[in-house]
Amino acid sequence: MPAGESPAHLELKRLALIWAQANGYPVAAQEVSLPNLRFRLDAAAYRPGSVRVLKFDTRRGVHRHFTTPAVGLCTLFECKASRADLVRDCRNSALLTERLKELTLLRAELECHLKLNCPSLMKGDSLWPEYETAAFEKSDHPPYQKVVKALATLSRQLHGQTKMENLFKWNAANLHYLVVEPGLVDDHEIPAGWGLLVRDGQRLDLRIRPDFKDLPEETRLAFLHRVAAAGTKATNREAGVSYVAIEAERRGLVPPSAEEAEP
């Protein structure tokens, strides 16, 4: 637990881990470091991938399709328990926020229009049309693209050079989620491309879906390594495995007991 971390922030991180694993990301950890970006994530999770390949089945003497493991998808969570942590000081923040609100409403109207008039954008991911999502990022509708670009520009001006803006710009994960307390932030204040999860009692409610970022395989594999490293660190801490004990074992010495290894 980082020094000075509030109980509310700890709870948001816990709920983020629950939400991730309940939504198909079984590999998850808190306090995941990304050394190449010089950031530490509140929580991160990974969904294993798979591919269907055609192979010769020696037992049956025929070619069959087999499911084999593949590099999957990665997602990150930034948790904010107070507004001071979320919005940095900015002389024009009030004006920018108001303009963001206007453009966010316009974007929602255009997306409703696209759903009705561009069925090719629908993903077919729900049995009920009202819950089906659309790949709006693939739309070539000029007014919609203009609004999206304007939103991205305003978001950079409001959140520019902040941790969240840089994580998205530098392609830290396929999906980026902001996890907040209820009433902390309005939808139009969310950095461009980020999803929004709002605490509702003992669970998280998905308010805004994030944009999907297509990342190379090596980036996703490195992300998995960092999640695994964070999970190992947490397991070592819980099991009383210290760095001193690991170094002693590496050098062929007798590792100290858990009590002796404690500072």
C-alpha atoms as a PDB file:
ATOM      1  CA  MET A   1       0.000   0.000   0.000  1.00  0.00           C
ATOM      2  CA  PRO A   2       1.562   3.331  -1.072  1.00  0.00           C
ATOM      3  CA  ALA A   3       2.121   5.838   1.708  1.00  0.00           C
ATOM      4  CA  GLY A   4      -0.787   8.215   2.232  1.00  0.00           C
ATOM      5  CA  GLU A   5      -3.273   6.175   0.215  1.00  0.00           C
ATOM      6  CA  SER A   6      -6.839   6.722   1.402  1.00  0.00           C
ATOM      7  CA  PRO A   7      -9.283   3.900   2.247  1.00  0.00           C
ATOM      8  CA  ALA A   8     -11.567   5.170  -0.539  1.00  0.00           C
ATOM      9  CA  HIS A   9      -8.780   4.867  -3.106  1.00  0.00           C
ATOM     10  CA  LEU A  10      -7.909   1.371  -1.878  1.00  0.00           C
ATOM     11  CA  GLU A  11     -11.542   0.338  -2.243  1.00  0.00           C
ATOM     12  CA  LEU A  12     -11.708   1.628  -5.819  1.00  0.00           C
ATOM     13  CA  LYS A  13      -8.638  -0.438  -6.701  1.00  0.00           C
ATOM     14  CA  ARG A  14     -10.200  -3.517  -5.119  1.00  0.00           C
ATOM     15  CA  LEU A  15     -13.425  -3.014  -7.061  1.00  0.00           C
ATOM     16  CA  ALA A  16     -11.437  -2.501 -10.280  1.00  0.00           C
ATOM     17  CA  LEU A  17      -9.799  -5.916  -9.818  1.00  0.00           C
ATOM     18  CA  ILE A  18     -13.198  -7.523  -9.214  1.00  0.00           C
ATOM     19  CA  TRP A  19     -14.718  -5.824 -12.275  1.00  0.00           C
ATOM     20  CA  ALA A  20     -11.785  -6.800 -14.504  1.00  0.00           C
ATOM     21  CA  GLN A  21     -11.905 -10.471 -13.564  1.00  0.00           C
ATOM     22  CA  ALA A  22     -15.698 -10.584 -13.826  1.00  0.00           C
ATOM     23  CA  ASN A  23     -15.445  -9.160 -17.354  1.00  0.00           C
ATOM     24  CA  GLY A  24     -12.987 -11.633 -18.812  1.00  0.00           C
ATOM     25  CA  TYR A  25      -9.591 -10.413 -17.584  1.00  0.00           C
ATOM     26  CA  PRO A  26      -8.477 -13.198 -15.171  1.00  0.00           C
ATOM     27  CA  VAL A  27      -4.864 -12.026 -14.831  1.00  0.00           C
ATOM     28  CA  ALA A  28      -4.893  -8.868 -12.694  1.00  0.00           C
ATOM     29  CA  ALA A  29      -2.806  -6.964 -10.166  1.00  0.00           C
ATOM     30  CA  GLN A  30      -2.507  -3.651  -8.337  1.00  0.00           C
ATOM     31  CA  GLU A  31       0.416  -1.214  -8.465  1.00  0.00           C
ATOM     32  CA  VAL A  32       1.719  -2.329 -11.859  1.00  0.00           C
ATOM     33  CA  SER A  33       4.852  -0.480 -12.962  1.00  0.00           C
ATOM     34  CA  LEU A  34       5.468   0.457 -16.588  1.00  0.00           C
ATOM     35  CA  PRO A  35       9.190   1.357 -16.546  1.00  0.00           C
ATOM     36  CA  ASN A  36       9.305   2.323 -20.220  1.00  0.00           C
ATOM     37  CA  LEU A  37       6.607   4.955 -19.564  1.00  0.00           C
ATOM     38  CA  ARG A  38       7.792   5.791 -16.017  1.00  0.00           C
ATOM     39  CA  PHE A  39       4.304   5.292 -14.605  1.00  0.00           C
ATOM     40  CA  ARG A  40       2.731   3.028 -12.011  1.00  0.00           C
ATOM     41  CA  LEU A  41      -0.840   1.926 -12.649  1.00  0.00           C
ATOM     42  CA  ASP A  42      -3.407   1.642  -9.880  1.00  0.00           C
ATOM     43  CA  ALA A  43      -4.580  -1.641 -11.397  1.00  0.00           C
ATOM     44  CA  ALA A  44      -4.059  -3.567 -14.609  1.00  0.00           C
ATOM     45  CA  ALA A  45      -5.476  -6.736 -16.115  1.00  0.00           C
ATOM     46  CA  TYR A  46      -4.922  -9.105 -19.016  1.00  0.00           C
ATOM     47  CA  ARG A  47      -7.227 -11.331 -21.073  1.00  0.00           C
ATOM     48  CA  PRO A  48      -5.486 -14.395 -22.584  1.00  0.00           C
ATOM     49  CA  GLY A  49      -5.979 -14.760 -26.310  1.00  0.00           C
ATOM     50  CA  SER A  50      -6.454 -17.774 -28.563  1.00  0.00           C
ATOM     51  CA  VAL A  51      -6.441 -18.561 -32.271  1.00  0.00           C
ATOM     52  CA  ARG A  52      -7.860 -21.373 -34.370  1.00  0.00           C
ATOM     53  CA  VAL A  53      -5.222 -23.139 -36.467  1.00  0.00           C
ATOM     54  CA  LEU A  54      -5.484 -26.010 -38.911  1.00  0.00           C
ATOM     55  CA  LYS A  55      -3.202 -28.907 -37.960  1.00  0.00           C
ATOM     56  CA  PHE A  56      -2.820 -32.545 -38.876  1.00  0.00           C
ATOM     57  CA  ASP A  57      -4.256 -34.849 -36.214  1.00  0.00           C
ATOM     58  CA  THR A  58      -1.875 -37.831 -36.168  1.00  0.00           C
ATOM     59  CA  ARG A  59      -4.295 -39.949 -34.126  1.00  0.00           C
ATOM     60  CA  ARG A  60      -7.195 -39.521 -36.536  1.00  0.00           C
ATOM     61  CA  GLY A  61      -5.163 -39.108 -39.692  1.00  0.00           C
ATOM     62  CA  VAL A  62      -7.013 -35.943 -40.773  1.00  0.00           C
ATOM     63  CA  HIS A  63      -6.572 -32.190 -40.601  1.00  0.00           C
ATOM     64  CA  ARG A  64      -8.488 -30.494 -37.774  1.00  0.00           C
ATOM     65  CA  HIS A  65      -8.853 -27.057 -36.304  1.00  0.00           C
ATOM     66  CA  PHE A  66      -7.187 -26.649 -32.903  1.00  0.00           C
ATOM     67  CA  THR A  67      -7.435 -23.760 -30.454  1.00  0.00           C
ATOM     68  CA  THR A  68      -3.979 -22.582 -29.400  1.00  0.00           C
ATOM     69  CA  PRO A  69      -2.907 -19.853 -26.944  1.00  0.00           C
ATOM     70  CA  ALA A  70      -2.074 -16.403 -28.303  1.00  0.00           C
ATOM     71  CA  VAL A  71      -1.160 -13.005 -26.912  1.00  0.00           C
ATOM     72  CA  GLY A  72      -4.361 -11.386 -25.679  1.00  0.00           C
ATOM     73  CA  LEU A  73      -5.649  -7.969 -24.618  1.00  0.00           C
ATOM     74  CA  CYS A  74      -4.557  -5.652 -21.825  1.00  0.00           C
ATOM     75  CA  THR A  75      -6.453  -3.015 -19.893  1.00  0.00           C
ATOM     76  CA  LEU A  76      -5.542  -0.507 -17.202  1.00  0.00           C
ATOM     77  CA  PHE A  77      -7.410   1.302 -14.455  1.00  0.00           C
ATOM     78  CA  GLU A  78      -6.715   4.689 -12.896  1.00  0.00           C
ATOM     79  CA  CYS A  79      -8.665   5.263  -9.679  1.00  0.00           C
ATOM     80  CA  LYS A  80      -9.645   8.718  -8.426  1.00  0.00           C
ATOM     81  CA  ALA A  81     -11.284   9.146  -5.028  1.00  0.00           C
ATOM     82  CA  SER A  82     -11.143  12.964  -4.954  1.00  0.00           C
ATOM     83  CA  ARG A  83     -11.645  15.671  -7.540  1.00  0.00           C
ATOM     84  CA  ALA A  84      -8.306  17.257  -6.669  1.00  0.00           C
ATOM     85  CA  ASP A  85      -6.600  14.118  -7.987  1.00  0.00           C
ATOM     86  CA  LEU A  86      -8.544  14.274 -11.223  1.00  0.00           C
ATOM     87  CA  VAL A  87      -8.547  17.806 -12.521  1.00  0.00           C
ATOM     88  CA  ARG A  88      -5.346  19.782 -12.528  1.00  0.00           C
ATOM     89  CA  ASP A  89      -5.378  23.555 -12.165  1.00  0.00           C
ATOM     90  CA  CYS A  90      -5.971  25.405 -15.408  1.00  0.00           C
ATOM     91  CA  ARG A  91      -6.830  29.069 -15.998  1.00  0.00           C
ATOM     92  CA  ASN A  92      -9.250  28.188 -18.799  1.00  0.00           C
ATOM     93  CA  SER A  93     -10.620  24.984 -17.282  1.00  0.00           C
ATOM     94  CA  ALA A  94     -14.152  26.364 -16.830  1.00  0.00           C
ATOM     95  CA  LEU A  95     -14.382  27.505 -20.465  1.00  0.00           C
ATOM     96  CA  LEU A  96     -12.844  24.305 -21.803  1.00  0.00           C
ATOM     97  CA  THR A  97     -15.119  22.148 -19.669  1.00  0.00           C
ATOM     98  CA  GLU A  98     -18.242  23.948 -20.910  1.00  0.00           C
ATOM     99  CA  ARG A  99     -17.171  23.507 -24.534  1.00  0.00           C
ATOM    100  CA  LEU A 100     -16.408  19.834 -23.871  1.00  0.00           C
ATOM    101  CA  LYS A 101     -19.917  19.410 -22.500  1.00  0.00           C
ATOM    102  CA  GLU A 102     -21.455  20.901 -25.653  1.00  0.00           C
ATOM    103  CA  LEU A 103     -19.392  18.726 -27.984  1.00  0.00           C
ATOM    104  CA  THR A 104     -20.045  15.584 -25.925  1.00  0.00           C
ATOM    105  CA  LEU A 105     -23.796  16.110 -26.280  1.00  0.00           C
ATOM    106  CA  LEU A 106     -23.381  16.695 -30.016  1.00  0.00           C
ATOM    107  CA  ARG A 107     -21.300  13.528 -30.323  1.00  0.00           C
ATOM    108  CA  ALA A 108     -24.038  11.521 -28.570  1.00  0.00           C
ATOM    109  CA  GLU A 109     -26.650  12.885 -31.000  1.00  0.00           C
ATOM    110  CA  LEU A 110     -24.488  12.004 -34.004  1.00  0.00           C
ATOM    111  CA  GLU A 111     -23.877   8.494 -32.670  1.00  0.00           C
ATOM    112  CA  CYS A 112     -27.631   7.950 -32.378  1.00  0.00           C
ATOM    113  CA  HIS A 113     -27.929   9.071 -36.003  1.00  0.00           C
ATOM    114  CA  LEU A 114     -25.138   6.702 -37.090  1.00  0.00           C
ATOM    115  CA  LYS A 115     -26.740   3.747 -35.299  1.00  0.00           C
ATOM    116  CA  LEU A 116     -29.942   4.279 -37.269  1.00  0.00           C
ATOM    117  CA  ASN A 117     -28.398   5.024 -40.654  1.00  0.00           C
ATOM    118  CA  CYS A 118     -25.143   3.020 -40.702  1.00  0.00           C
ATOM    119  CA  PRO A 119     -25.974  -0.590 -39.722  1.00  0.00           C
ATOM    120  CA  SER A 120     -22.541  -1.727 -40.946  1.00  0.00           C
ATOM    121  CA  LEU A 121     -21.012  -0.101 -37.849  1.00  0.00           C
ATOM    122  CA  MET A 122     -22.941  -2.323 -35.448  1.00  0.00           C
ATOM    123  CA  LYS A 123     -20.839  -5.029 -33.768  1.00  0.00           C
ATOM    124  CA  GLY A 124     -23.623  -7.565 -33.249  1.00  0.00           C
ATOM    125  CA  ASP A 125     -22.502  -8.152 -29.661  1.00  0.00           C
ATOM    126  CA  SER A 126     -25.955  -8.264 -28.056  1.00  0.00           C
ATOM    127  CA  LEU A 127     -29.246 -10.072 -28.572  1.00  0.00           C
ATOM    128  CA  TRP A 128     -31.090  -6.813 -27.851  1.00  0.00           C
ATOM    129  CA  PRO A 129     -30.607  -3.882 -30.256  1.00  0.00           C
ATOM    130  CA  GLU A 130     -30.700  -1.299 -27.462  1.00  0.00           C
ATOM    131  CA  TYR A 131     -27.595  -2.879 -25.886  1.00  0.00           C
ATOM    132  CA  GLU A 132     -25.661  -3.473 -29.099  1.00  0.00           C
ATOM    133  CA  THR A 133     -22.489  -1.408 -29.417  1.00  0.00           C
ATOM    134  CA  ALA A 134     -21.114   0.228 -32.554  1.00  0.00           C
ATOM    135  CA  ALA A 135     -17.627   0.775 -33.963  1.00  0.00           C
ATOM    136  CA  PHE A 136     -18.036   4.536 -34.313  1.00  0.00           C
ATOM    137  CA  GLU A 137     -14.272   4.948 -34.781  1.00  0.00           C
ATOM    138  CA  LYS A 138     -14.671   3.297 -38.213  1.00  0.00           C
ATOM    139  CA  SER A 139     -17.208   5.853 -39.381  1.00  0.00           C
ATOM    140  CA  ASP A 140     -16.196   8.154 -42.238  1.00  0.00           C
ATOM    141  CA  HIS A 141     -19.086  10.552 -41.529  1.00  0.00           C
ATOM    142  CA  PRO A 142     -17.413  14.022 -41.852  1.00  0.00           C
ATOM    143  CA  PRO A 143     -19.462  15.871 -39.172  1.00  0.00           C
ATOM    144  CA  TYR A 144     -18.856  13.056 -36.680  1.00  0.00           C
ATOM    145  CA  GLN A 145     -15.118  12.924 -37.386  1.00  0.00           C
ATOM    146  CA  LYS A 146     -14.927  16.706 -36.993  1.00  0.00           C
ATOM    147  CA  VAL A 147     -16.566  16.542 -33.545  1.00  0.00           C
ATOM    148  CA  VAL A 148     -14.299  13.666 -32.459  1.00  0.00           C
ATOM    149  CA  LYS A 149     -11.186  15.614 -33.476  1.00  0.00           C
ATOM    150  CA  ALA A 150     -12.424  18.737 -31.682  1.00  0.00           C
ATOM    151  CA  LEU A 151     -13.082  16.708 -28.520  1.00  0.00           C
ATOM    152  CA  ALA A 152      -9.587  15.226 -28.660  1.00  0.00           C
ATOM    153  CA  THR A 153      -8.040  18.682 -29.062  1.00  0.00           C
ATOM    154  CA  LEU A 154      -9.976  20.148 -26.131  1.00  0.00           C
ATOM    155  CA  SER A 155      -9.177  17.111 -23.998  1.00  0.00           C
ATOM    156  CA  ARG A 156      -5.456  17.582 -24.668  1.00  0.00           C
ATOM    157  CA  GLN A 157      -5.723  21.226 -23.676  1.00  0.00           C
ATOM    158  CA  LEU A 158      -7.482  20.330 -20.420  1.00  0.00           C
ATOM    159  CA  HIS A 159      -5.555  17.185 -19.516  1.00  0.00           C
ATOM    160  CA  GLY A 160      -2.369  17.768 -21.510  1.00  0.00           C
ATOM    161  CA  GLN A 161       0.835  16.317 -20.060  1.00  0.00           C
ATOM    162  CA  THR A 162      -1.070  14.656 -17.243  1.00  0.00           C
ATOM    163  CA  LYS A 163      -0.604  10.990 -16.427  1.00  0.00           C
ATOM    164  CA  MET A 164      -3.902   9.994 -18.023  1.00  0.00           C
ATOM    165  CA  GLU A 165      -3.319  11.903 -21.242  1.00  0.00           C
ATOM    166  CA  ASN A 166       0.161  10.428 -21.614  1.00  0.00           C
ATOM    167  CA  LEU A 167      -0.940   6.867 -20.863  1.00  0.00           C
ATOM    168  CA  PHE A 168      -3.438   7.063 -23.718  1.00  0.00           C
ATOM    169  CA  LYS A 169      -1.114   8.897 -26.102  1.00  0.00           C
ATOM    170  CA  TRP A 170       1.725   6.436 -25.526  1.00  0.00           C
ATOM    171  CA  ASN A 171      -0.505   3.367 -26.051  1.00  0.00           C
ATOM    172  CA  ALA A 172      -0.099   1.895 -22.570  1.00  0.00           C
ATOM    173  CA  ALA A 173      -2.956  -0.611 -23.054  1.00  0.00           C
ATOM    174  CA  ASN A 174      -5.733  -1.670 -25.410  1.00  0.00           C
ATOM    175  CA  LEU A 175      -8.360  -0.221 -23.069  1.00  0.00           C
ATOM    176  CA  HIS A 176      -8.106   2.582 -20.503  1.00  0.00           C
ATOM    177  CA  TYR A 177     -10.601   3.011 -17.653  1.00  0.00           C
ATOM    178  CA  LEU A 178     -11.074   5.796 -15.136  1.00  0.00           C
ATOM    179  CA  VAL A 179     -12.575   4.522 -11.864  1.00  0.00           C
ATOM    180  CA  VAL A 180     -14.222   7.181  -9.685  1.00  0.00           C
ATOM    181  CA  GLU A 181     -16.509   7.824  -6.747  1.00  0.00           C
ATOM    182  CA  PRO A 182     -20.132   8.765  -7.611  1.00  0.00           C
ATOM    183  CA  GLY A 183     -20.679  12.437  -8.378  1.00  0.00           C
ATOM    184  CA  LEU A 184     -16.961  13.114  -8.760  1.00  0.00           C
ATOM    185  CA  VAL A 185     -16.906  13.924 -12.451  1.00  0.00           C
ATOM    186  CA  ASP A 186     -19.296  14.566 -15.333  1.00  0.00           C
ATOM    187  CA  ASP A 187     -19.126  12.475 -18.484  1.00  0.00           C
ATOM    188  CA  HIS A 188     -17.815  15.325 -20.625  1.00  0.00           C
ATOM    189  CA  GLU A 189     -14.816  15.823 -18.308  1.00  0.00           C
ATOM    190  CA  ILE A 190     -13.363  12.384 -19.040  1.00  0.00           C
ATOM    191  CA  PRO A 191     -10.124  12.458 -21.087  1.00  0.00           C
ATOM    192  CA  ALA A 192     -10.665  11.542 -24.726  1.00  0.00           C
ATOM    193  CA  GLY A 193     -10.652   7.806 -25.376  1.00  0.00           C
ATOM    194  CA  TRP A 194     -11.027   6.733 -21.751  1.00  0.00           C
ATOM    195  CA  GLY A 195     -13.851   4.634 -20.357  1.00  0.00           C
ATOM    196  CA  LEU A 196     -15.619   5.535 -17.116  1.00  0.00           C
ATOM    197  CA  LEU A 197     -16.452   3.199 -14.224  1.00  0.00           C
ATOM    198  CA  VAL A 198     -18.391   4.737 -11.329  1.00  0.00           C
ATOM    199  CA  ARG A 199     -18.698   3.102  -7.917  1.00  0.00           C
ATOM    200  CA  ASP A 200     -22.264   2.088  -7.105  1.00  0.00           C
ATOM    201  CA  GLY A 201     -22.148   0.645  -3.607  1.00  0.00           C
ATOM    202  CA  GLN A 202     -19.967  -2.461  -3.701  1.00  0.00           C
ATOM    203  CA  ARG A 203     -19.704  -2.669  -7.488  1.00  0.00           C
ATOM    204  CA  LEU A 204     -18.694  -0.583 -10.489  1.00  0.00           C
ATOM    205  CA  ASP A 205     -21.109   0.733 -13.102  1.00  0.00           C
ATOM    206  CA  LEU A 206     -19.816   1.151 -16.666  1.00  0.00           C
ATOM    207  CA  ARG A 207     -20.881   4.648 -17.763  1.00  0.00           C
ATOM    208  CA  ILE A 208     -18.653   5.197 -20.801  1.00  0.00           C
ATOM    209  CA  ARG A 209     -17.032   2.579 -23.013  1.00  0.00           C
ATOM    210  CA  PRO A 210     -13.366   3.260 -23.836  1.00  0.00           C
ATOM    211  CA  ASP A 211     -11.912   3.497 -27.316  1.00  0.00           C
ATOM    212  CA  PHE A 212     -10.032   0.373 -28.369  1.00  0.00           C
ATOM    213  CA  LYS A 213      -6.359   0.859 -29.219  1.00  0.00           C
ATOM    214  CA  ASP A 214      -4.770  -1.737 -31.475  1.00  0.00           C
ATOM    215  CA  LEU A 215      -1.321  -2.548 -30.067  1.00  0.00           C
ATOM    216  CA  PRO A 216       1.498  -4.717 -31.421  1.00  0.00           C
ATOM    217  CA  GLU A 217       1.944  -8.168 -29.932  1.00  0.00           C
ATOM    218  CA  GLU A 218       5.234  -7.310 -28.222  1.00  0.00           C
ATOM    219  CA  THR A 219       3.627  -4.391 -26.353  1.00  0.00           C
ATOM    220  CA  ARG A 220       0.821  -6.593 -25.050  1.00  0.00           C
ATOM    221  CA  LEU A 221       3.248  -9.337 -24.051  1.00  0.00           C
ATOM    222  CA  ALA A 222       5.411  -6.835 -22.149  1.00  0.00           C
ATOM    223  CA  PHE A 223       2.262  -5.604 -20.386  1.00  0.00           C
ATOM    224  CA  LEU A 224       1.471  -9.168 -19.302  1.00  0.00           C
ATOM    225  CA  HIS A 225       5.000  -9.491 -17.912  1.00  0.00           C
ATOM    226  CA  ARG A 226       4.509  -6.361 -15.796  1.00  0.00           C
ATOM    227  CA  VAL A 227       1.163  -7.587 -14.431  1.00  0.00           C
ATOM    228  CA  ALA A 228       2.762 -10.933 -13.572  1.00  0.00           C
ATOM    229  CA  ALA A 229       5.686  -9.178 -11.857  1.00  0.00           C
ATOM    230  CA  ALA A 230       3.304  -7.071  -9.749  1.00  0.00           C
ATOM    231  CA  GLY A 231       1.318 -10.165  -8.828  1.00  0.00           C
ATOM    232  CA  THR A 232       4.506 -11.985  -7.809  1.00  0.00           C
ATOM    233  CA  LYS A 233       5.557  -9.044  -5.658  1.00  0.00           C
ATOM    234  CA  ALA A 234       2.198  -9.058  -3.872  1.00  0.00           C
ATOM    235  CA  THR A 235       2.391 -12.834  -3.366  1.00  0.00           C
ATOM    236  CA  ASN A 236       5.915 -12.550  -1.938  1.00  0.00           C
ATOM    237  CA  ARG A 237       4.750  -9.883   0.478  1.00  0.00           C
ATOM    238  CA  GLU A 238       1.824 -11.998   1.653  1.00  0.00           C
ATOM    239  CA  ALA A 239       3.988 -15.138   1.977  1.00  0.00           C
ATOM    240  CA  GLY A 240       6.824 -13.370   3.790  1.00  0.00           C
ATOM    241  CA  VAL A 241       9.320 -13.869   0.946  1.00  0.00           C
ATOM    242  CA  SER A 242      11.905 -11.085   1.100  1.00  0.00           C
ATOM    243  CA  TYR A 243      14.532  -9.870  -1.353  1.00  0.00           C
ATOM    244  CA  VAL A 244      17.163 -10.875   1.223  1.00  0.00           C
ATOM    245  CA  ALA A 245      15.908 -14.472   1.174  1.00  0.00           C
ATOM    246  CA  ILE A 246      15.915 -14.585  -2.636  1.00  0.00           C
ATOM    247  CA  GLU A 247      19.478 -13.231  -2.790  1.00  0.00           C
ATOM    248  CA  ALA A 248      20.645 -15.753  -0.179  1.00  0.00           C
ATOM    249  CA  GLU A 249      19.151 -18.624  -2.191  1.00  0.00           C
ATOM    250  CA  ARG A 250      20.738 -17.295  -5.375  1.00  0.00           C
ATOM    251  CA  ARG A 251      24.179 -17.287  -3.716  1.00  0.00           C
ATOM    252  CA  GLY A 252      23.794 -20.723  -2.188  1.00  0.00           C
ATOM    253  CA  LEU A 253      23.452 -19.407   1.359  1.00  0.00           C
ATOM    254  CA  VAL A 254      20.918 -20.342   4.011  1.00  0.00           C
ATOM    255  CA  PRO A 255      17.897 -18.025   3.541  1.00  0.00           C
ATOM    256  CA  PRO A 256      16.783 -16.206   6.693  1.00  0.00           C
ATOM    257  CA  SER A 257      13.427 -17.064   8.239  1.00  0.00           C
ATOM    258  CA  ALA A 258      10.469 -14.764   7.656  1.00  0.00           C
ATOM    259  CA  GLU A 259      10.956 -13.265  11.133  1.00  0.00           C
ATOM    260  CA  GLU A 260      14.683 -12.671  10.565  1.00  0.00           C
ATOM    261  CA  ALA A 261      14.057 -11.080   7.171  1.00  0.00           C
ATOM    262  CA  GLU A 262      11.649  -8.490   8.564  1.00  0.00           C
ATOM    263  CA  PRO A 263      13.245  -5.038   8.996  1.00  0.00           C
END
